[in-house]
PDB file of N, CA and C in Angstrom:
ATOM      1  N   MET A   1     -15.703 -11.362   4.295  1.00  0.00           N
ATOM      2  CA  MET A   1     -14.281 -11.640   4.248  1.00  0.00           C
ATOM      3  C   MET A   1     -13.542 -10.550   3.464  1.00  0.00           C
ATOM      4  N   LYS A   2     -14.101 -10.078   2.343  1.00  0.00           N
ATOM      5  CA  LYS A   2     -13.432  -9.053   1.552  1.00  0.00           C
ATOM      6  C   LYS A   2     -13.312  -7.746   2.324  1.00  0.00           C
ATOM      7  N   ALA A   3     -14.306  -7.442   3.132  1.00  0.00           N
ATOM      8  CA  ALA A   3     -14.284  -6.183   3.873  1.00  0.00           C
ATOM      9  C   ALA A   3     -13.070  -6.108   4.787  1.00  0.00           C
ATOM     10  N   ARG A   4     -12.667  -7.238   5.344  1.00  0.00           N
ATOM     11  CA  ARG A   4     -11.530  -7.223   6.251  1.00  0.00           C
ATOM     12  C   ARG A   4     -10.242  -6.861   5.516  1.00  0.00           C
ATOM     13  N   TRP A   5     -10.050  -7.395   4.317  1.00  0.00           N
ATOM     14  CA  TRP A   5      -8.825  -7.116   3.567  1.00  0.00           C
ATOM     15  C   TRP A   5      -8.759  -5.652   3.144  1.00  0.00           C
ATOM     16  N   SER A   6      -9.858  -5.092   2.647  1.00  0.00           N
ATOM     17  CA  SER A   6      -9.837  -3.695   2.230  1.00  0.00           C
ATOM     18  C   SER A   6      -9.764  -2.770   3.435  1.00  0.00           C
ATOM     19  N   LEU A   7     -10.353  -3.177   4.548  1.00  0.00           N
ATOM     20  CA  LEU A   7     -10.310  -2.367   5.755  1.00  0.00           C
ATOM     21  C   LEU A   7      -8.886  -2.250   6.277  1.00  0.00           C
ATOM     22  N   ALA A   8      -8.111  -3.314   6.167  1.00  0.00           N
ATOM     23  CA  ALA A   8      -6.739  -3.292   6.674  1.00  0.00           C
ATOM     24  C   ALA A   8      -5.915  -2.222   5.960  1.00  0.00           C
ATOM     25  N   ALA A   9      -6.010  -2.145   4.643  1.00  0.00           N
ATOM     26  CA  ALA A   9      -5.243  -1.147   3.891  1.00  0.00           C
ATOM     27  C   ALA A   9      -5.713   0.264   4.213  1.00  0.00           C
ATOM     28  N   SER A  10      -7.024   0.457   4.307  1.00  0.00           N
ATOM     29  CA  SER A  10      -7.520   1.799   4.589  1.00  0.00           C
ATOM     30  C   SER A  10      -7.172   2.229   6.007  1.00  0.00           C
ATOM     31  N   MET A  11      -7.141   1.297   6.941  1.00  0.00           N
ATOM     32  CA  MET A  11      -6.778   1.649   8.311  1.00  0.00           C
ATOM     33  C   MET A  11      -5.311   2.037   8.411  1.00  0.00           C
ATOM     34  N   LEU A  12      -4.445   1.366   7.657  1.00  0.00           N
ATOM     35  CA  LEU A  12      -3.028   1.723   7.679  1.00  0.00           C
ATOM     36  C   LEU A  12      -2.826   3.165   7.246  1.00  0.00           C
ATOM     37  N   MET A  13      -3.502   3.557   6.188  1.00  0.00           N
ATOM     38  CA  MET A  13      -3.341   4.915   5.701  1.00  0.00           C
ATOM     39  C   MET A  13      -3.946   5.916   6.673  1.00  0.00           C
ATOM     40  N   SER A  14      -5.094   5.591   7.277  1.00  0.00           N
ATOM     41  CA  SER A  14      -5.717   6.533   8.191  1.00  0.00           C
ATOM     42  C   SER A  14      -4.936   6.661   9.493  1.00  0.00           C
ATOM     43  N   MET A  15      -4.147   5.665   9.843  1.00  0.00           N
ATOM     44  CA  MET A  15      -3.339   5.750  11.057  1.00  0.00           C
ATOM     45  C   MET A  15      -2.062   6.559  10.834  1.00  0.00           C
ATOM     46  N   GLY A  16      -1.841   7.017   9.633  1.00  0.00           N
ATOM     47  CA  GLY A  16      -0.697   7.874   9.375  1.00  0.00           C
ATOM     48  C   GLY A  16       0.578   7.135   9.038  1.00  0.00           C
ATOM     49  N   ILE A  17       0.475   5.927   8.491  1.00  0.00           N
ATOM     50  CA  ILE A  17       1.678   5.191   8.114  1.00  0.00           C
ATOM     51  C   ILE A  17       2.481   5.987   7.086  1.00  0.00           C
ATOM     52  N   SER A  18       1.788   6.689   6.191  1.00  0.00           N
ATOM     53  CA  SER A  18       2.510   7.449   5.171  1.00  0.00           C
ATOM     54  C   SER A  18       3.263   8.634   5.767  1.00  0.00           C
ATOM     55  N   ASN A  19       2.915   9.076   6.966  1.00  0.00           N
ATOM     56  CA  ASN A  19       3.583  10.211   7.596  1.00  0.00           C
ATOM     57  C   ASN A  19       4.467   9.793   8.760  1.00  0.00           C
ATOM     58  N   ALA A  20       4.746   8.528   8.904  1.00  0.00           N
ATOM     59  CA  ALA A  20       5.482   8.037  10.066  1.00  0.00           C
ATOM     60  C   ALA A  20       6.992   8.182   9.927  1.00  0.00           C
ATOM     61  N   PHE A  21       7.478   8.575   8.776  1.00  0.00           N
ATOM     62  CA  PHE A  21       8.915   8.646   8.541  1.00  0.00           C
ATOM     63  C   PHE A  21       9.347  10.099   8.383  1.00  0.00           C
ATOM     64  N   ALA A  22      10.457  10.449   8.982  1.00  0.00           N
ATOM     65  CA  ALA A  22      10.952  11.822   8.908  1.00  0.00           C
ATOM     66  C   ALA A  22      11.600  12.068   7.551  1.00  0.00           C
ATOM     67  N   ALA A  23      11.287  13.194   6.961  1.00  0.00           N
ATOM     68  CA  ALA A  23      11.848  13.563   5.671  1.00  0.00           C
ATOM     69  C   ALA A  23      13.059  14.463   5.893  1.00  0.00           C
ATOM     70  N   PRO A  24      13.959  14.545   4.910  1.00  0.00           N
ATOM     71  CA  PRO A  24      15.096  15.457   5.050  1.00  0.00           C
ATOM     72  C   PRO A  24      14.627  16.906   5.125  1.00  0.00           C
ATOM     73  N   LYS A  25      15.503  17.784   5.602  1.00  0.00           N
ATOM     74  CA  LYS A  25      15.142  19.202   5.769  1.00  0.00           C
ATOM     75  C   LYS A  25      14.809  19.864   4.437  1.00  0.00           C
ATOM     76  N   SER A  26      15.286  19.310   3.322  1.00  0.00           N
ATOM     77  CA  SER A  26      15.019  19.918   2.021  1.00  0.00           C
ATOM     78  C   SER A  26      13.569  19.750   1.578  1.00  0.00           C
ATOM     79  N   VAL A  27      12.837  18.853   2.210  1.00  0.00           N
ATOM     80  CA  VAL A  27      11.437  18.625   1.847  1.00  0.00           C
ATOM     81  C   VAL A  27      10.582  19.685   2.523  1.00  0.00           C
ATOM     82  N   GLN A  28       9.756  20.335   1.740  1.00  0.00           N
ATOM     83  CA  GLN A  28       8.886  21.385   2.263  1.00  0.00           C
ATOM     84  C   GLN A  28       7.805  20.785   3.162  1.00  0.00           C
ATOM     85  N   PRO A  29       7.235  21.596   4.060  1.00  0.00           N
ATOM     86  CA  PRO A  29       6.145  21.091   4.902  1.00  0.00           C
ATOM     87  C   PRO A  29       4.978  20.587   4.061  1.00  0.00           C
ATOM     88  N   ALA A  30       4.101  19.870   4.702  1.00  0.00           N
ATOM     89  CA  ALA A  30       2.992  19.197   4.008  1.00  0.00           C
ATOM     90  C   ALA A  30       2.179  20.167   3.156  1.00  0.00           C
ATOM     91  N   LYS A  31       1.897  19.726   1.952  1.00  0.00           N
ATOM     92  CA  LYS A  31       1.033  20.458   1.032  1.00  0.00           C
ATOM     93  C   LYS A  31      -0.022  19.483   0.541  1.00  0.00           C
ATOM     94  N   PRO A  32      -1.178  19.961   0.156  1.00  0.00           N
ATOM     95  CA  PRO A  32      -2.196  19.043  -0.377  1.00  0.00           C
ATOM     96  C   PRO A  32      -1.693  18.344  -1.640  1.00  0.00           C
ATOM     97  N   ARG A  33      -1.969  17.068  -1.743  1.00  0.00           N
ATOM     98  CA  ARG A  33      -1.560  16.274  -2.903  1.00  0.00           C
ATOM     99  C   ARG A  33      -2.801  15.872  -3.694  1.00  0.00           C
ATOM    100  N   THR A  34      -2.649  15.825  -5.009  1.00  0.00           N
ATOM    101  CA  THR A  34      -3.755  15.379  -5.855  1.00  0.00           C
ATOM    102  C   THR A  34      -3.525  13.975  -6.380  1.00  0.00           C
ATOM    103  N   GLN A  35      -2.379  13.374  -6.059  1.00  0.00           N
ATOM    104  CA  GLN A  35      -2.054  12.051  -6.569  1.00  0.00           C
ATOM    105  C   GLN A  35      -2.820  10.967  -5.810  1.00  0.00           C
ATOM    106  N   PHE A  36      -3.100   9.883  -6.513  1.00  0.00           N
ATOM    107  CA  PHE A  36      -3.733   8.702  -5.943  1.00  0.00           C
ATOM    108  C   PHE A  36      -2.691   7.984  -5.090  1.00  0.00           C
ATOM    109  N   VAL A  37      -2.954   7.790  -3.795  1.00  0.00           N
ATOM    110  CA  VAL A  37      -1.992   7.179  -2.879  1.00  0.00           C
ATOM    111  C   VAL A  37      -2.673   6.065  -2.110  1.00  0.00           C
ATOM    112  N   ASP A  38      -1.949   4.959  -1.895  1.00  0.00           N
ATOM    113  CA  ASP A  38      -2.482   3.845  -1.117  1.00  0.00           C
ATOM    114  C   ASP A  38      -1.332   3.204  -0.346  1.00  0.00           C
ATOM    115  N   ALA A  39      -1.651   2.294   0.537  1.00  0.00           N
ATOM    116  CA  ALA A  39      -0.636   1.621   1.353  1.00  0.00           C
ATOM    117  C   ALA A  39       0.357   0.851   0.490  1.00  0.00           C
ATOM    118  N   VAL A  40      -0.053   0.445  -0.714  1.00  0.00           N
ATOM    119  CA  VAL A  40       0.830  -0.310  -1.599  1.00  0.00           C
ATOM    120  C   VAL A  40       1.998   0.568  -2.081  1.00  0.00           C
ATOM    121  N   ASP A  41       1.891   1.884  -1.925  1.00  0.00           N
ATOM    122  CA  ASP A  41       2.958   2.797  -2.332  1.00  0.00           C
ATOM    123  C   ASP A  41       4.053   2.941  -1.281  1.00  0.00           C
ATOM    124  N   LEU A  42       3.870   2.375  -0.113  1.00  0.00           N
ATOM    125  CA  LEU A  42       4.830   2.556   0.974  1.00  0.00           C
ATOM    126  C   LEU A  42       6.201   1.950   0.650  1.00  0.00           C
ATOM    127  N   ALA A  43       6.247   0.709   0.186  1.00  0.00           N
ATOM    128  CA  ALA A  43       7.528   0.050  -0.111  1.00  0.00           C
ATOM    129  C   ALA A  43       8.300   0.771  -1.222  1.00  0.00           C
ATOM    130  N   PRO A  44       7.684   1.093  -2.372  1.00  0.00           N
ATOM    131  CA  PRO A  44       8.446   1.813  -3.397  1.00  0.00           C
ATOM    132  C   PRO A  44       8.932   3.184  -2.926  1.00  0.00           C
ATOM    133  N   THR A  45       8.145   3.858  -2.086  1.00  0.00           N
ATOM    134  CA  THR A  45       8.552   5.169  -1.580  1.00  0.00           C
ATOM    135  C   THR A  45       9.779   5.052  -0.688  1.00  0.00           C
ATOM    136  N   LEU A  46       9.774   4.071   0.215  1.00  0.00           N
ATOM    137  CA  LEU A  46      10.922   3.881   1.107  1.00  0.00           C
ATOM    138  C   LEU A  46      12.165   3.454   0.331  1.00  0.00           C
ATOM    139  N   LEU A  47      11.993   2.581  -0.665  1.00  0.00           N
ATOM    140  CA  LEU A  47      13.135   2.148  -1.470  1.00  0.00           C
ATOM    141  C   LEU A  47      13.714   3.307  -2.271  1.00  0.00           C
ATOM    142  N   HIS A  48      12.848   4.146  -2.818  1.00  0.00           N
ATOM    143  CA  HIS A  48      13.315   5.305  -3.575  1.00  0.00           C
ATOM    144  C   HIS A  48      14.026   6.297  -2.658  1.00  0.00           C
ATOM    145  N   ALA A  49      13.495   6.516  -1.467  1.00  0.00           N
ATOM    146  CA  ALA A  49      14.114   7.442  -0.516  1.00  0.00           C
ATOM    147  C   ALA A  49      15.480   6.937  -0.059  1.00  0.00           C
ATOM    148  N   ALA A  50      15.633   5.611   0.019  1.00  0.00           N
ATOM    149  CA  ALA A  50      16.910   5.023   0.424  1.00  0.00           C
ATOM    150  C   ALA A  50      17.929   5.020  -0.707  1.00  0.00           C
ATOM    151  N   GLY A  51      17.490   5.336  -1.921  1.00  0.00           N
ATOM    152  CA  GLY A  51      18.402   5.388  -3.051  1.00  0.00           C
ATOM    153  C   GLY A  51      18.705   4.034  -3.659  1.00  0.00           C
ATOM    154  N   THR A  52      17.883   3.040  -3.382  1.00  0.00           N
ATOM    155  CA  THR A  52      18.098   1.706  -3.941  1.00  0.00           C
ATOM    156  C   THR A  52      17.251   1.520  -5.186  1.00  0.00           C
ATOM    157  N   SER A  53      17.653   0.579  -6.005  1.00  0.00           N
ATOM    158  CA  SER A  53      16.849   0.246  -7.180  1.00  0.00           C
ATOM    159  C   SER A  53      15.976  -0.951  -6.839  1.00  0.00           C
ATOM    160  N   PHE A  54      14.817  -1.015  -7.483  1.00  0.00           N
ATOM    161  CA  PHE A  54      13.919  -2.134  -7.248  1.00  0.00           C
ATOM    162  C   PHE A  54      13.280  -2.538  -8.560  1.00  0.00           C
ATOM    163  N   ALA A  55      12.772  -3.755  -8.581  1.00  0.00           N
ATOM    164  CA  ALA A  55      12.200  -4.312  -9.808  1.00  0.00           C
ATOM    165  C   ALA A  55      10.990  -3.498 -10.251  1.00  0.00           C
ATOM    166  N   PRO A  56      10.843  -3.271 -11.557  1.00  0.00           N
ATOM    167  CA  PRO A  56       9.671  -2.530 -12.030  1.00  0.00           C
ATOM    168  C   PRO A  56       8.369  -3.299 -11.825  1.00  0.00           C
ATOM    169  N   ALA A  57       8.465  -4.592 -11.520  1.00  0.00           N
ATOM    170  CA  ALA A  57       7.252  -5.385 -11.315  1.00  0.00           C
ATOM    171  C   ALA A  57       6.650  -5.186  -9.932  1.00  0.00           C
ATOM    172  N   ILE A  58       7.330  -4.439  -9.060  1.00  0.00           N
ATOM    173  CA  ILE A  58       6.790  -4.218  -7.718  1.00  0.00           C
ATOM    174  C   ILE A  58       5.535  -3.350  -7.816  1.00  0.00           C
ATOM    175  N   ASP A  59       4.527  -3.696  -7.028  1.00  0.00           N
ATOM    176  CA  ASP A  59       3.275  -2.942  -7.050  1.00  0.00           C
ATOM    177  C   ASP A  59       3.466  -1.596  -6.366  1.00  0.00           C
ATOM    178  N   GLY A  60       2.690  -0.630  -6.779  1.00  0.00           N
ATOM    179  CA  GLY A  60       2.745   0.698  -6.187  1.00  0.00           C
ATOM    180  C   GLY A  60       3.715   1.602  -6.929  1.00  0.00           C
ATOM    181  N   ALA A  61       3.792   2.842  -6.481  1.00  0.00           N
ATOM    182  CA  ALA A  61       4.677   3.830  -7.089  1.00  0.00           C
ATOM    183  C   ALA A  61       5.326   4.656  -5.992  1.00  0.00           C
ATOM    184  N   ALA A  62       6.536   5.126  -6.255  1.00  0.00           N
ATOM    185  CA  ALA A  62       7.242   5.953  -5.275  1.00  0.00           C
ATOM    186  C   ALA A  62       6.527   7.288  -5.141  1.00  0.00           C
ATOM    187  N   ARG A  63       6.240   7.683  -3.933  1.00  0.00           N
ATOM    188  CA  ARG A  63       5.568   8.953  -3.663  1.00  0.00           C
ATOM    189  C   ARG A  63       6.492   9.913  -2.925  1.00  0.00           C
ATOM    190  N   TYR A  64       7.775   9.794  -3.181  1.00  0.00           N
ATOM    191  CA  TYR A  64       8.776  10.685  -2.604  1.00  0.00           C
ATOM    192  C   TYR A  64       8.663  12.030  -3.324  1.00  0.00           C
ATOM    193  N   PRO A  65       8.806  13.159  -2.632  1.00  0.00           N
ATOM    194  CA  PRO A  65       8.576  14.464  -3.281  1.00  0.00           C
ATOM    195  C   PRO A  65       9.365  14.689  -4.563  1.00  0.00           C
ATOM    196  N   ALA A  66      10.638  14.271  -4.615  1.00  0.00           N
ATOM    197  CA  ALA A  66      11.416  14.448  -5.846  1.00  0.00           C
ATOM    198  C   ALA A  66      10.824  13.616  -6.977  1.00  0.00           C
ATOM    199  N   LYS A  67      10.325  12.442  -6.659  1.00  0.00           N
ATOM    200  CA  LYS A  67       9.733  11.571  -7.673  1.00  0.00           C
ATOM    201  C   LYS A  67       8.386  12.115  -8.126  1.00  0.00           C
ATOM    202  N   LEU A  68       7.642  12.740  -7.225  1.00  0.00           N
ATOM    203  CA  LEU A  68       6.345  13.300  -7.590  1.00  0.00           C
ATOM    204  C   LEU A  68       6.484  14.395  -8.637  1.00  0.00           C
ATOM    205  N   ALA A  69       7.570  15.142  -8.578  1.00  0.00           N
ATOM    206  CA  ALA A  69       7.775  16.207  -9.553  1.00  0.00           C
ATOM    207  C   ALA A  69       7.984  15.646 -10.952  1.00  0.00           C
ATOM    208  N   GLU A  70       8.511  14.415 -11.055  1.00  0.00           N
ATOM    209  CA  GLU A  70       8.784  13.805 -12.358  1.00  0.00           C
ATOM    210  C   GLU A  70       7.542  13.194 -12.996  1.00  0.00           C
ATOM    211  N   THR A  71       6.574  12.817 -12.188  1.00  0.00           N
ATOM    212  CA  THR A  71       5.415  12.101 -12.712  1.00  0.00           C
ATOM    213  C   THR A  71       4.226  13.027 -12.871  1.00  0.00           C
ATOM    214  N   LYS A  72       3.387  12.715 -13.827  1.00  0.00           N
ATOM    215  CA  LYS A  72       2.155  13.467 -14.013  1.00  0.00           C
ATOM    216  C   LYS A  72       1.115  12.956 -13.025  1.00  0.00           C
ATOM    217  N   ALA A  73       0.257  13.838 -12.589  1.00  0.00           N
ATOM    218  CA  ALA A  73      -0.844  13.410 -11.717  1.00  0.00           C
ATOM    219  C   ALA A  73      -1.809  12.579 -12.560  1.00  0.00           C
ATOM    220  N   ARG A  74      -2.111  11.390 -12.089  1.00  0.00           N
ATOM    221  CA  ARG A  74      -3.027  10.525 -12.821  1.00  0.00           C
ATOM    222  C   ARG A  74      -4.434  10.706 -12.280  1.00  0.00           C
ATOM    223  N   ARG A  75      -5.376  10.581 -13.173  1.00  0.00           N
ATOM    224  CA  ARG A  75      -6.754  10.592 -12.708  1.00  0.00           C
ATOM    225  C   ARG A  75      -7.025   9.275 -12.011  1.00  0.00           C
ATOM    226  N   TRP A  76      -7.974   9.267 -11.097  1.00  0.00           N
ATOM    227  CA  TRP A  76      -8.219   8.067 -10.304  1.00  0.00           C
ATOM    228  C   TRP A  76      -8.701   6.913 -11.162  1.00  0.00           C
ATOM    229  N   ARG A  77      -9.341   7.176 -12.294  1.00  0.00           N
ATOM    230  CA  ARG A  77      -9.782   6.076 -13.157  1.00  0.00           C
ATOM    231  C   ARG A  77      -8.611   5.416 -13.885  1.00  0.00           C
ATOM    232  N   GLU A  78      -7.523   6.120 -14.069  1.00  0.00           N
ATOM    233  CA  GLU A  78      -6.358   5.561 -14.750  1.00  0.00           C
ATOM    234  C   GLU A  78      -5.438   4.813 -13.791  1.00  0.00           C
ATOM    235  N   ALA A  79      -5.604   5.031 -12.511  1.00  0.00           N
ATOM    236  CA  ALA A  79      -4.738   4.395 -11.516  1.00  0.00           C
ATOM    237  C   ALA A  79      -5.246   2.997 -11.198  1.00  0.00           C
ATOM    238  N   ARG A  80      -4.315   2.127 -10.865  1.00  0.00           N
ATOM    239  CA  ARG A  80      -4.707   0.789 -10.426  1.00  0.00           C
ATOM    240  C   ARG A  80      -3.832   0.403  -9.248  1.00  0.00           C
ATOM    241  N   GLN A  81      -4.431  -0.337  -8.359  1.00  0.00           N
ATOM    242  CA  GLN A  81      -3.718  -0.648  -7.130  1.00  0.00           C
ATOM    243  C   GLN A  81      -2.667  -1.722  -7.346  1.00  0.00           C
ATOM    244  N   TYR A  82      -3.023  -2.781  -8.050  1.00  0.00           N
ATOM    245  CA  TYR A  82      -2.094  -3.886  -8.264  1.00  0.00           C
ATOM    246  C   TYR A  82      -1.963  -4.145  -9.756  1.00  0.00           C
ATOM    247  N   SER A  83      -0.748  -4.410 -10.210  1.00  0.00           N
ATOM    248  CA  SER A  83      -0.527  -4.623 -11.636  1.00  0.00           C
ATOM    249  C   SER A  83      -0.753  -6.067 -12.053  1.00  0.00           C
ATOM    250  N   THR A  84      -0.728  -6.984 -11.100  1.00  0.00           N
ATOM    251  CA  THR A  84      -0.924  -8.394 -11.431  1.00  0.00           C
ATOM    252  C   THR A  84      -2.162  -8.926 -10.726  1.00  0.00           C
ATOM    253  N   PRO A  85      -2.908  -9.802 -11.387  1.00  0.00           N
ATOM    254  CA  PRO A  85      -4.086 -10.369 -10.725  1.00  0.00           C
ATOM    255  C   PRO A  85      -3.668 -11.345  -9.630  1.00  0.00           C
ATOM    256  N   PHE A  86      -4.437 -11.403  -8.599  1.00  0.00           N
ATOM    257  CA  PHE A  86      -4.157 -12.343  -7.517  1.00  0.00           C
ATOM    258  C   PHE A  86      -5.485 -12.775  -6.904  1.00  0.00           C
ATOM    259  N   ALA A  87      -5.450 -13.920  -6.293  1.00  0.00           N
ATOM    260  CA  ALA A  87      -6.647 -14.434  -5.633  1.00  0.00           C
ATOM    261  C   ALA A  87      -6.525 -14.194  -4.135  1.00  0.00           C
ATOM    262  N   GLU A  88      -7.619 -13.807  -3.529  1.00  0.00           N
ATOM    263  CA  GLU A  88      -7.602 -13.645  -2.080  1.00  0.00           C
ATOM    264  C   GLU A  88      -7.553 -15.019  -1.435  1.00  0.00           C
ATOM    265  N   PRO A  89      -6.804 -15.162  -0.352  1.00  0.00           N
ATOM    266  CA  PRO A  89      -6.702 -16.480   0.286  1.00  0.00           C
ATOM    267  C   PRO A  89      -8.041 -16.936   0.852  1.00  0.00           C
ATOM    268  N   LEU A  90      -8.253 -18.220   0.756  1.00  0.00           N
ATOM    269  CA  LEU A  90      -9.477 -18.811   1.272  1.00  0.00           C
ATOM    270  C   LEU A  90      -9.271 -19.159   2.737  1.00  0.00           C
ATOM    271  N   GLU A  91     -10.158 -18.706   3.575  1.00  0.00           N
ATOM    272  CA  GLU A  91     -10.096 -19.026   4.994  1.00  0.00           C
ATOM    273  C   GLU A  91     -11.474 -19.469   5.459  1.00  0.00           C
ATOM    274  N   ILE A  92     -11.514 -20.596   6.137  1.00  0.00           N
ATOM    275  CA  ILE A  92     -12.772 -21.123   6.663  1.00  0.00           C
ATOM    276  C   ILE A  92     -12.573 -21.415   8.143  1.00  0.00           C
ATOM    277  N   PHE A  93     -13.458 -20.911   8.962  1.00  0.00           N
ATOM    278  CA  PHE A  93     -13.390 -21.163  10.394  1.00  0.00           C
ATOM    279  C   PHE A  93     -14.657 -21.881  10.835  1.00  0.00           C
ATOM    280  N   VAL A  94     -14.485 -22.915  11.642  1.00  0.00           N
ATOM    281  CA  VAL A  94     -15.613 -23.683  12.168  1.00  0.00           C
ATOM    282  C   VAL A  94     -15.494 -23.685  13.683  1.00  0.00           C
ATOM    283  N   ARG A  95     -16.546 -23.278  14.349  1.00  0.00           N
ATOM    284  CA  ARG A  95     -16.521 -23.280  15.813  1.00  0.00           C
ATOM    285  C   ARG A  95     -17.438 -24.385  16.317  1.00  0.00           C
ATOM    286  N   ARG A  96     -16.846 -25.266  17.102  1.00  0.00           N
ATOM    287  CA  ARG A  96     -17.619 -26.333  17.728  1.00  0.00           C
ATOM    288  C   ARG A  96     -17.555 -26.153  19.239  1.00  0.00           C
ATOM    289  N   ALA A  97     -18.148 -27.061  19.954  1.00  0.00           N
ATOM    290  CA  ALA A  97     -18.241 -26.922  21.407  1.00  0.00           C
ATOM    291  C   ALA A  97     -16.868 -26.812  22.072  1.00  0.00           C
ATOM    292  N   ARG A  98     -15.925 -27.667  21.690  1.00  0.00           N
ATOM    293  CA  ARG A  98     -14.627 -27.674  22.372  1.00  0.00           C
ATOM    294  C   ARG A  98     -13.483 -27.113  21.545  1.00  0.00           C
ATOM    295  N   TYR A  99     -13.603 -27.133  20.219  1.00  0.00           N
ATOM    296  CA  TYR A  99     -12.450 -26.821  19.383  1.00  0.00           C
ATOM    297  C   TYR A  99     -12.779 -25.702  18.400  1.00  0.00           C
ATOM    298  N   ASP A 100     -11.764 -24.943  18.047  1.00  0.00           N
ATOM    299  CA  ASP A 100     -11.850 -23.988  16.950  1.00  0.00           C
ATOM    300  C   ASP A 100     -10.975 -24.529  15.829  1.00  0.00           C
ATOM    301  N   ASP A 101     -11.586 -24.838  14.708  1.00  0.00           N
ATOM    302  CA  ASP A 101     -10.845 -25.372  13.568  1.00  0.00           C
ATOM    303  C   ASP A 101     -10.700 -24.278  12.521  1.00  0.00           C
ATOM    304  N   ALA A 102      -9.562 -24.239  11.888  1.00  0.00           N
ATOM    305  CA  ALA A 102      -9.325 -23.255  10.839  1.00  0.00           C
ATOM    306  C   ALA A 102      -8.699 -23.950   9.644  1.00  0.00           C
ATOM    307  N   PHE A 103      -9.117 -23.543   8.456  1.00  0.00           N
ATOM    308  CA  PHE A 103      -8.547 -24.053   7.216  1.00  0.00           C
ATOM    309  C   PHE A 103      -8.126 -22.853   6.386  1.00  0.00           C
ATOM    310  N   THR A 104      -6.952 -22.918   5.815  1.00  0.00           N
ATOM    311  CA  THR A 104      -6.500 -21.869   4.910  1.00  0.00           C
ATOM    312  C   THR A 104      -5.767 -22.513   3.740  1.00  0.00           C
ATOM    313  N   ASP A 105      -5.820 -21.866   2.583  1.00  0.00           N
ATOM    314  CA  ASP A 105      -5.139 -22.415   1.408  1.00  0.00           C
ATOM    315  C   ASP A 105      -3.747 -21.818   1.238  1.00  0.00           C
ATOM    316  N   GLN A 106      -3.299 -20.974   2.157  1.00  0.00           N
ATOM    317  CA  GLN A 106      -1.956 -20.415   2.063  1.00  0.00           C
ATOM    318  C   GLN A 106      -0.932 -21.457   2.459  1.00  0.00           C
ATOM    319  N   LYS A 107       0.198 -21.442   1.763  1.00  0.00           N
ATOM    320  CA  LYS A 107       1.241 -22.438   2.027  1.00  0.00           C
ATOM    321  C   LYS A 107       2.388 -21.817   2.755  1.00  0.00           C
TER     322      LYS A 107
END
């Protein structure tokens, strides 16, 4: 079950979600980055690019080029994906002859 959740995030990044948005002409062409980046950074990056403010409690960090210049590159051991602990949802599937039953604890 855990493999599916981690696979979803890694697949999003490998499909190029981080490169799916056009940048302004002032942004230089792609250069290698040393920063730790994950799918959780997508929302803060889009909000920062739009010029809106967002709560500091939001997970992830803005990876917009102007913002990258302000921040120090963090080592991967110092980076964390989520700032708050959370439990993965419980899902149980039972297959019988005629019916597929599913139970989830999400509300």
